[in-house]
């Protein structure tokens, strides 16, 4: 279907969609969801299985997203974006992930890569990089992890050495989403190795400055989104491409993840909703003992449990997103973002497991999307901080708050 800009423009920010107490979607947000769902089902869903089987970037799906101006959704209007609130962005990610997790990740990763620029970057960086990402002309990656520095970010060894009006970056980054596709890489590196996490700084590195893709991973899920290892071998980066001040990188990285984790929760909710919808549609058509299997009370109990878990996860995700929209980062966002990511991703894994079971042997085959959704759900428990790390983050915040 064709959709004009006016059909998909995000709703204006109002008390109903930004406040911390109201989580009922506005009529505009409901209409926006309906448009995104229709286009996702018509133009993205048909490519999902092929992207998974071939482990190739879903360019046709990304083209459809660009035509809807979805890459612009989370970019400020001053830089060519639409400036949508985070709840509306979560709705969009849900609807894309409902049919194709890989395409939703293509949209998520550029927002993740550009969040440090949007929040901590100079005006020059914003004007140079945000408009191209908003238009979909360029994509971005986020380079924090290393082969031996995953959850322990402070142990990274990638170096950035000042040399006049440039820095020279050397090191290897691992688990980089969109490796080889992205035009820019937001790289975290040590400018002062003796200072631990206080010695990390952040940089925007353009791909053609010498970013090398050393290998691409062969993955269980989200196979349409490339994940790879990149190597920086004395890559020269202008001082003007440093994000924030020297030594601010660790705080930029953590603040970015606080803002991004609720969107992983939205992706997980979308995967779970897609699995439940597919299982229910199958169950209403599948007949055993002379009636649809959904007439069986045991099946109905499972459907009720899955629907309830999804709705609870969705509410927590929207709550965390509303906290971002309230422009009140801090300990509560850290806690809520971790909770949203933790609960929604665990929910997605449970829902896809049980939804697949409802199809029996058919769910185990590639003739139905359940096995793909089952595989895609797993990564939401791992990236942007494993769920074990999320539990540590949540517990620390609770321990600080109780009795304070």
Protein backbone atom coordinates (compact mmCIF):
# COMPACT_ATOMS: atom_id res chain seq x y z
CA UNK A 1 0.00 0.00 0.00
CA UNK A 2 1.10 3.57 -0.56
CA UNK A 3 1.27 5.90 2.41
CA UNK A 4 1.85 9.62 2.41
CA UNK A 5 3.91 11.50 4.98
CA UNK A 6 0.71 12.77 6.61
CA UNK A 7 -0.50 9.19 7.12
CA UNK A 8 2.56 8.14 9.05
CA UNK A 9 3.64 11.37 10.72
CA UNK A 10 4.10 10.74 14.44
CA UNK A 11 1.47 12.20 16.74
CA UNK A 12 2.24 15.51 18.46
CA UNK A 13 3.56 15.29 21.99
CA UNK A 14 0.71 15.73 24.45
CA UNK A 15 0.17 15.11 28.13
CA UNK A 16 -1.42 11.79 27.21
CA UNK A 17 1.58 10.39 25.37
CA UNK A 18 4.45 11.97 27.32
CA UNK A 19 3.27 12.06 30.91
CA UNK A 20 4.39 9.55 33.50
CA UNK A 21 0.89 8.46 34.55
CA UNK A 22 -0.99 7.94 31.26
CA UNK A 23 -0.11 4.90 29.17
CA UNK A 24 -3.20 4.65 27.02
CA UNK A 25 -2.16 5.29 23.44
CA UNK A 26 -3.70 8.33 21.79
CA UNK A 27 -5.95 8.00 18.75
CA UNK A 28 -3.06 9.29 16.63
CA UNK A 29 -0.74 6.61 17.98
CA UNK A 30 -3.34 3.92 17.33
CA UNK A 31 -3.72 5.18 13.76
CA UNK A 32 0.05 5.24 13.35
CA UNK A 33 0.25 1.63 14.56
CA UNK A 34 -2.40 0.59 12.04
CA UNK A 35 -0.52 2.18 9.12
CA UNK A 36 2.82 0.64 10.14
CA UNK A 37 1.20 -2.78 10.66
CA UNK A 38 -0.44 -2.70 7.24
CA UNK A 39 2.78 -1.79 5.45
CA UNK A 40 4.80 -4.27 7.52
CA UNK A 41 2.46 -7.11 6.62
CA UNK A 42 2.33 -6.16 2.95
CA UNK A 43 5.91 -5.13 2.21
CA UNK A 44 8.18 -6.45 4.99
CA UNK A 45 6.72 -9.80 6.06
CA UNK A 46 7.09 -11.35 2.57
CA UNK A 47 10.88 -10.89 2.73
CA UNK A 48 11.44 -12.07 6.32
CA UNK A 49 11.93 -15.78 5.64
CA UNK A 50 14.29 -15.17 2.70
CA UNK A 51 16.43 -12.76 4.70
CA UNK A 52 16.66 -15.36 7.46
CA UNK A 53 17.50 -18.29 5.17
CA UNK A 54 20.09 -16.39 3.12
CA UNK A 55 21.47 -14.39 6.07
CA UNK A 56 21.32 -11.29 3.88
CA UNK A 57 20.36 -7.73 4.74
CA UNK A 58 16.66 -7.16 3.92
CA UNK A 59 17.12 -4.25 1.53
CA UNK A 60 13.59 -4.39 0.14
CA UNK A 61 12.18 -4.22 3.65
CA UNK A 62 14.48 -1.34 4.54
CA UNK A 63 13.34 0.44 1.38
CA UNK A 64 9.74 0.14 2.57
CA UNK A 65 10.76 1.54 5.96
CA UNK A 66 12.51 4.47 4.25
CA UNK A 67 9.42 5.22 2.19
CA UNK A 68 7.48 5.47 5.45
CA UNK A 69 10.27 7.70 6.79
CA UNK A 70 10.72 5.37 9.75
CA UNK A 71 14.49 6.00 10.09
CA UNK A 72 13.58 9.64 10.78
CA UNK A 73 11.17 8.82 13.59
CA UNK A 74 13.62 9.20 16.49
CA UNK A 75 15.78 11.99 15.02
CA UNK A 76 15.02 15.59 16.10
CA UNK A 77 13.16 17.73 13.59
CA UNK A 78 16.01 20.25 13.52
CA UNK A 79 18.18 17.62 11.82
CA UNK A 80 15.70 16.24 9.30
CA UNK A 81 13.88 13.85 11.60
CA UNK A 82 10.33 13.63 12.90
CA UNK A 83 11.10 13.99 16.60
CA UNK A 84 8.61 11.37 17.71
CA UNK A 85 8.27 10.52 21.38
CA UNK A 86 9.76 7.22 22.55
CA UNK A 87 6.40 5.54 23.11
CA UNK A 88 5.57 6.12 19.44
CA UNK A 89 9.01 4.82 18.47
CA UNK A 90 8.34 1.70 20.55
CA UNK A 91 5.04 1.17 18.73
CA UNK A 92 6.89 1.29 15.41
CA UNK A 93 9.58 -1.17 16.52
CA UNK A 94 6.91 -3.53 17.87
CA UNK A 95 5.04 -3.61 14.58
CA UNK A 96 8.14 -4.18 12.46
CA UNK A 97 9.50 -6.86 14.84
CA UNK A 98 6.10 -8.57 14.79
CA UNK A 99 6.82 -9.64 11.20
CA UNK A 100 10.63 -9.38 10.88
CA UNK A 101 13.03 -8.95 13.78
CA UNK A 102 15.96 -8.37 11.41
CA UNK A 103 14.32 -5.33 9.83
CA UNK A 104 13.43 -3.93 13.25
CA UNK A 105 17.08 -4.30 14.23
CA UNK A 106 18.20 -2.39 11.14
CA UNK A 107 16.11 0.53 12.41
CA UNK A 108 17.15 0.11 16.04
CA UNK A 109 20.88 0.04 15.41
CA UNK A 110 21.14 3.37 13.61
CA UNK A 111 19.21 5.03 16.44
CA UNK A 112 21.58 3.37 18.92
CA UNK A 113 24.62 4.51 16.95
CA UNK A 114 23.36 8.09 16.77
CA UNK A 115 22.02 8.46 20.33
CA UNK A 116 25.46 9.53 21.66
CA UNK A 117 25.56 12.19 18.95
CA UNK A 118 22.01 13.38 19.67
CA UNK A 119 22.50 13.62 23.44
CA UNK A 120 26.20 14.45 23.91
CA UNK A 121 27.50 15.41 20.48
CA UNK A 122 28.50 18.85 19.24
CA UNK A 123 26.27 20.87 16.96
CA UNK A 124 28.75 20.19 14.17
CA UNK A 125 28.45 16.41 14.62
CA UNK A 126 24.67 16.59 14.70
CA UNK A 127 24.47 18.58 11.48
CA UNK A 128 26.99 16.38 9.67
CA UNK A 129 25.56 12.97 10.56
CA UNK A 130 21.95 13.05 11.75
CA UNK A 131 20.26 14.22 8.51
CA UNK A 132 21.69 11.33 6.46
CA UNK A 133 20.59 8.78 9.06
CA UNK A 134 17.14 10.39 9.25
CA UNK A 135 16.70 10.05 5.49
CA UNK A 136 17.86 6.44 5.52
CA UNK A 137 20.70 7.34 3.18
CA UNK A 138 23.20 6.34 5.86
CA UNK A 139 23.20 3.76 8.66
CA UNK A 140 25.15 3.68 11.91
CA UNK A 141 26.65 1.08 14.26
CA UNK A 142 27.57 1.11 17.95
CA UNK A 143 30.99 -0.28 18.85
CA UNK A 144 31.40 -0.93 22.56
CA UNK A 145 32.10 -4.66 23.05
CA UNK A 146 35.41 -6.37 22.34
CA UNK A 147 36.40 -10.05 22.15
CA UNK A 148 37.60 -9.92 25.77
CA UNK A 149 35.48 -7.01 27.01
CA UNK A 150 31.77 -7.72 26.93
CA UNK A 151 29.92 -7.12 30.18
CA UNK A 152 33.16 -5.72 31.63
CA UNK A 153 33.28 -2.63 29.41
CA UNK A 154 36.09 -0.97 31.37
CA UNK A 155 38.52 -3.74 30.37
CA UNK A 156 38.45 -2.68 26.70
CA UNK A 157 41.86 -2.36 25.02
CA UNK A 158 41.04 -0.34 21.89
CA UNK A 159 43.22 2.79 22.03
CA UNK A 160 42.75 6.35 20.84
CA UNK A 161 46.01 8.30 20.87
CA UNK A 162 45.93 12.08 20.36
CA UNK A 163 48.11 13.27 17.50
CA UNK A 164 47.69 16.96 16.77
CA UNK A 165 44.17 17.67 15.56
CA UNK A 166 43.39 13.95 15.23
CA UNK A 167 43.20 10.75 17.22
CA UNK A 168 44.69 7.50 15.98
CA UNK A 169 42.43 4.55 16.83
CA UNK A 170 43.65 0.95 17.01
CA UNK A 171 41.86 -2.14 18.24
CA UNK A 172 39.17 -4.73 17.60
CA UNK A 173 35.46 -4.46 18.33
CA UNK A 174 33.16 -7.49 18.49
CA UNK A 175 29.46 -8.25 18.06
CA UNK A 176 28.94 -5.18 15.90
CA UNK A 177 25.42 -5.05 14.47
CA UNK A 178 25.30 -3.88 10.85
CA UNK A 179 29.02 -4.51 10.34
CA UNK A 180 29.85 -3.89 6.71
CA UNK A 181 26.51 -2.14 6.09
CA UNK A 182 26.88 0.96 8.25
CA UNK A 183 28.40 4.19 7.01
CA UNK A 184 29.45 5.37 10.47
CA UNK A 185 30.63 3.56 13.59
CA UNK A 186 30.35 5.06 17.07
CA UNK A 187 33.52 3.71 18.65
CA UNK A 188 34.50 3.69 22.32
CA UNK A 189 38.25 3.62 23.00
CA UNK A 190 40.74 4.25 25.79
CA UNK A 191 42.34 7.70 25.68
CA UNK A 192 43.88 7.12 29.13
CA UNK A 193 44.47 3.40 29.81
CA UNK A 194 45.58 4.11 33.39
CA UNK A 195 42.24 5.66 34.34
CA UNK A 196 40.02 2.58 34.00
CA UNK A 197 36.46 3.41 32.97
CA UNK A 198 37.24 7.12 33.38
CA UNK A 199 39.76 6.84 30.57
CA UNK A 200 37.25 5.91 27.84
CA UNK A 201 36.20 8.34 25.11
CA UNK A 202 33.72 8.12 22.23
CA UNK A 203 34.19 8.90 18.53
CA UNK A 204 32.22 8.92 15.28
CA UNK A 205 34.29 6.99 12.73
CA UNK A 206 33.33 6.93 9.06
CA UNK A 207 33.54 3.53 7.40
CA UNK A 208 35.77 4.67 4.54
CA UNK A 209 38.43 6.00 6.93
CA UNK A 210 39.72 2.46 7.29
CA UNK A 211 37.17 0.42 9.25
CA UNK A 212 37.82 -3.23 8.35
CA UNK A 213 35.27 -6.03 8.77
CA UNK A 214 37.40 -8.95 9.94
CA UNK A 215 34.60 -11.53 10.00
CA UNK A 216 30.85 -11.96 10.05
CA UNK A 217 29.25 -14.26 12.60
CA UNK A 218 27.05 -17.25 11.69
CA UNK A 219 24.12 -16.80 14.03
CA UNK A 220 21.11 -18.59 15.46
CA UNK A 221 18.67 -15.73 14.85
CA UNK A 222 18.17 -12.23 13.41
CA UNK A 223 20.16 -13.61 10.52
CA UNK A 224 19.11 -10.82 8.16
CA UNK A 225 21.08 -8.38 10.29
CA UNK A 226 24.85 -8.85 9.90
CA UNK A 227 26.90 -9.08 13.10
CA UNK A 228 30.66 -8.90 12.80
CA UNK A 229 34.04 -8.06 14.18
CA UNK A 230 35.65 -4.81 13.06
CA UNK A 231 39.31 -3.87 13.16
CA UNK A 232 40.72 -0.37 13.48
CA UNK A 233 44.36 -0.31 12.40
CA UNK A 234 45.69 3.18 13.13
CA UNK A 235 42.55 4.82 11.82
CA UNK A 236 42.89 8.61 11.94
CA UNK A 237 39.82 10.41 13.31
CA UNK A 238 39.50 14.21 13.59
CA UNK A 239 39.25 15.68 17.08
CA UNK A 240 35.98 17.23 15.90
CA UNK A 241 34.56 13.69 15.73
CA UNK A 242 35.01 13.06 19.43
CA UNK A 243 31.65 12.88 21.22
CA UNK A 244 31.71 14.92 24.40
CA UNK A 245 34.91 15.35 26.38
CA UNK A 246 37.85 13.01 26.83
CA UNK A 247 37.08 10.49 29.56
CA UNK A 248 33.31 10.87 29.19
CA UNK A 249 32.88 7.77 27.04
CA UNK A 250 31.87 5.30 29.74
CA UNK A 251 29.09 7.58 30.97
CA UNK A 252 27.96 8.19 27.39
CA UNK A 253 27.87 4.43 26.76
CA UNK A 254 25.85 3.70 29.90
CA UNK A 255 23.48 6.63 29.33
CA UNK A 256 22.92 5.47 25.77
CA UNK A 257 22.05 1.96 26.90
CA UNK A 258 19.63 3.32 29.50
CA UNK A 259 17.78 5.04 26.66
CA UNK A 260 18.07 2.13 24.25
CA UNK A 261 17.15 -0.88 26.40
CA UNK A 262 13.42 -0.07 26.41
CA UNK A 263 13.53 -0.30 22.60
CA UNK A 264 14.97 -3.81 22.84
CA UNK A 265 12.01 -4.48 25.09
CA UNK A 266 9.73 -3.16 22.34
CA UNK A 267 11.42 -5.44 19.82
CA UNK A 268 10.88 -8.40 22.16
CA UNK A 269 7.21 -7.49 22.62
CA UNK A 270 6.81 -7.36 18.84
CA UNK A 271 8.40 -10.78 18.34
CA UNK A 272 6.19 -12.23 21.08
CA UNK A 273 3.05 -10.67 19.60
CA UNK A 274 3.90 -12.00 16.15
CA UNK A 275 4.37 -15.50 17.56
CA UNK A 276 1.08 -15.43 19.46
CA UNK A 277 -0.82 -14.06 16.46
CA UNK A 278 0.62 -16.77 14.19
CA UNK A 279 -0.16 -19.52 16.69
CA UNK A 280 -3.74 -18.34 17.24
CA UNK A 281 -4.38 -18.06 13.49
CA UNK A 282 -3.09 -21.61 13.04
CA UNK A 283 -5.08 -22.94 15.99
CA UNK A 284 -8.35 -21.53 14.67
CA UNK A 285 -7.81 -23.36 11.37
CA UNK A 286 -6.31 -26.60 12.69
CA UNK A 287 -9.00 -29.20 13.44
CA UNK A 288 -8.59 -32.30 15.58
CA UNK A 289 -11.35 -34.54 16.91
CA UNK A 290 -13.82 -32.66 14.73
CA UNK A 291 -13.24 -29.12 16.03
CA UNK A 292 -10.62 -26.34 16.01
CA UNK A 293 -7.90 -26.97 18.56
CA UNK A 294 -8.58 -23.53 20.03
CA UNK A 295 -11.89 -24.93 21.33
CA UNK A 296 -9.87 -26.96 23.82
CA UNK A 297 -9.70 -25.35 27.24
CA UNK A 298 -6.07 -26.30 27.72
CA UNK A 299 -5.12 -24.41 24.54
CA UNK A 300 -7.22 -21.44 25.65
CA UNK A 301 -5.40 -21.32 28.99
CA UNK A 302 -2.06 -21.14 27.20
CA UNK A 303 -3.31 -18.38 24.90
CA UNK A 304 -4.62 -16.41 27.88
CA UNK A 305 -1.32 -16.70 29.73
CA UNK A 306 0.73 -15.64 26.70
CA UNK A 307 -1.52 -12.66 25.93
CA UNK A 308 -1.34 -11.51 29.55
CA UNK A 309 2.45 -11.78 29.66
CA UNK A 310 2.77 -9.77 26.44
CA UNK A 311 0.47 -7.03 27.70
CA UNK A 312 2.39 -6.78 30.98
CA UNK A 313 5.68 -6.50 29.08
CA UNK A 314 4.23 -3.87 26.76
CA UNK A 315 3.10 -1.75 29.71
CA UNK A 316 6.54 -1.88 31.31
CA UNK A 317 8.20 -0.94 28.03
CA UNK A 318 5.88 2.05 27.59
CA UNK A 319 6.54 3.12 31.18
CA UNK A 320 10.29 3.14 30.55
CA UNK A 321 9.82 4.98 27.25
CA UNK A 322 7.66 7.59 28.96
CA UNK A 323 10.46 8.19 31.45
CA UNK A 324 12.82 8.98 28.55
CA UNK A 325 10.18 11.31 27.05
CA UNK A 326 9.88 13.11 30.39
CA UNK A 327 13.57 14.01 29.93
CA UNK A 328 14.41 12.77 33.38
CA UNK A 329 17.35 10.38 32.96
CA UNK A 330 18.93 9.01 36.08
CA UNK A 331 18.54 6.16 38.47
CA UNK A 332 14.85 5.55 37.73
CA UNK A 333 15.47 5.32 33.99
CA UNK A 334 18.41 3.00 34.66
CA UNK A 335 16.13 0.74 36.71
CA UNK A 336 13.09 0.94 34.44
CA UNK A 337 15.12 0.47 31.25
CA UNK A 338 16.75 -2.65 32.67
CA UNK A 339 13.39 -3.97 33.90
CA UNK A 340 11.73 -3.38 30.53
CA UNK A 341 14.49 -5.13 28.63
CA UNK A 342 14.70 -8.01 31.13
CA UNK A 343 10.99 -8.71 31.45
CA UNK A 344 10.08 -8.24 27.80
CA UNK A 345 12.91 -10.42 26.51
CA UNK A 346 12.21 -13.20 28.99
CA UNK A 347 8.56 -12.92 27.97
CA UNK A 348 9.46 -13.19 24.28
CA UNK A 349 11.42 -16.37 24.92
CA UNK A 350 8.57 -17.93 26.89
CA UNK A 351 5.91 -16.86 24.41
CA UNK A 352 7.76 -18.07 21.32
CA UNK A 353 8.49 -21.40 23.02
CA UNK A 354 4.87 -21.99 24.01
CA UNK A 355 3.44 -20.59 20.77
CA UNK A 356 5.63 -22.94 18.76
CA UNK A 357 4.35 -25.81 20.92
CA UNK A 358 0.78 -24.98 19.93
CA UNK A 359 1.66 -25.86 16.33
CA UNK A 360 3.16 -29.21 17.31
CA UNK A 361 5.42 -30.65 14.63
CA UNK A 362 4.50 -27.93 12.15
CA UNK A 363 5.98 -25.32 14.48
CA UNK A 364 9.34 -27.06 14.18
CA UNK A 365 9.44 -26.63 10.41
CA UNK A 366 10.38 -23.66 8.25
CA UNK A 367 6.94 -23.78 6.64
CA UNK A 368 5.71 -21.60 9.50
CA UNK A 369 7.36 -18.51 11.04
CA UNK A 370 7.32 -19.77 14.63
CA UNK A 371 10.75 -21.41 14.51
CA UNK A 372 12.28 -18.19 13.16
CA UNK A 373 10.59 -16.11 15.84
CA UNK A 374 11.78 -18.59 18.48
CA UNK A 375 15.37 -18.17 17.25
CA UNK A 376 15.06 -14.40 16.92
CA UNK A 377 13.74 -13.98 20.46
CA UNK A 378 16.88 -15.37 22.09
CA UNK A 379 19.12 -12.44 21.22
CA UNK A 380 16.89 -10.01 23.10
CA UNK A 381 18.03 -11.73 26.31
CA UNK A 382 21.68 -11.18 25.35
CA UNK A 383 22.47 -7.94 23.56
CA UNK A 384 22.64 -4.50 25.14
CA UNK A 385 23.53 -6.22 28.38
CA UNK A 386 22.66 -9.82 29.19
CA UNK A 387 19.65 -10.40 31.39
CA UNK A 388 21.99 -11.47 34.17
CA UNK A 389 23.58 -8.01 33.99
CA UNK A 390 20.10 -6.42 33.97
CA UNK A 391 19.28 -8.20 37.21
CA UNK A 392 22.47 -6.82 38.78
CA UNK A 393 21.60 -3.30 37.58
CA UNK A 394 18.05 -3.54 38.94
CA UNK A 395 19.14 -4.98 42.30
CA UNK A 396 21.76 -2.26 42.80
CA UNK A 397 19.19 0.46 42.11
CA UNK A 398 16.66 -1.11 44.48
CA UNK A 399 19.29 -1.44 47.21
CA UNK A 400 20.20 2.23 46.78
CA UNK A 401 16.59 3.38 46.87
CA UNK A 402 15.25 1.36 49.80
CA UNK A 403 15.96 3.17 53.04
CA UNK A 404 17.71 6.06 51.26
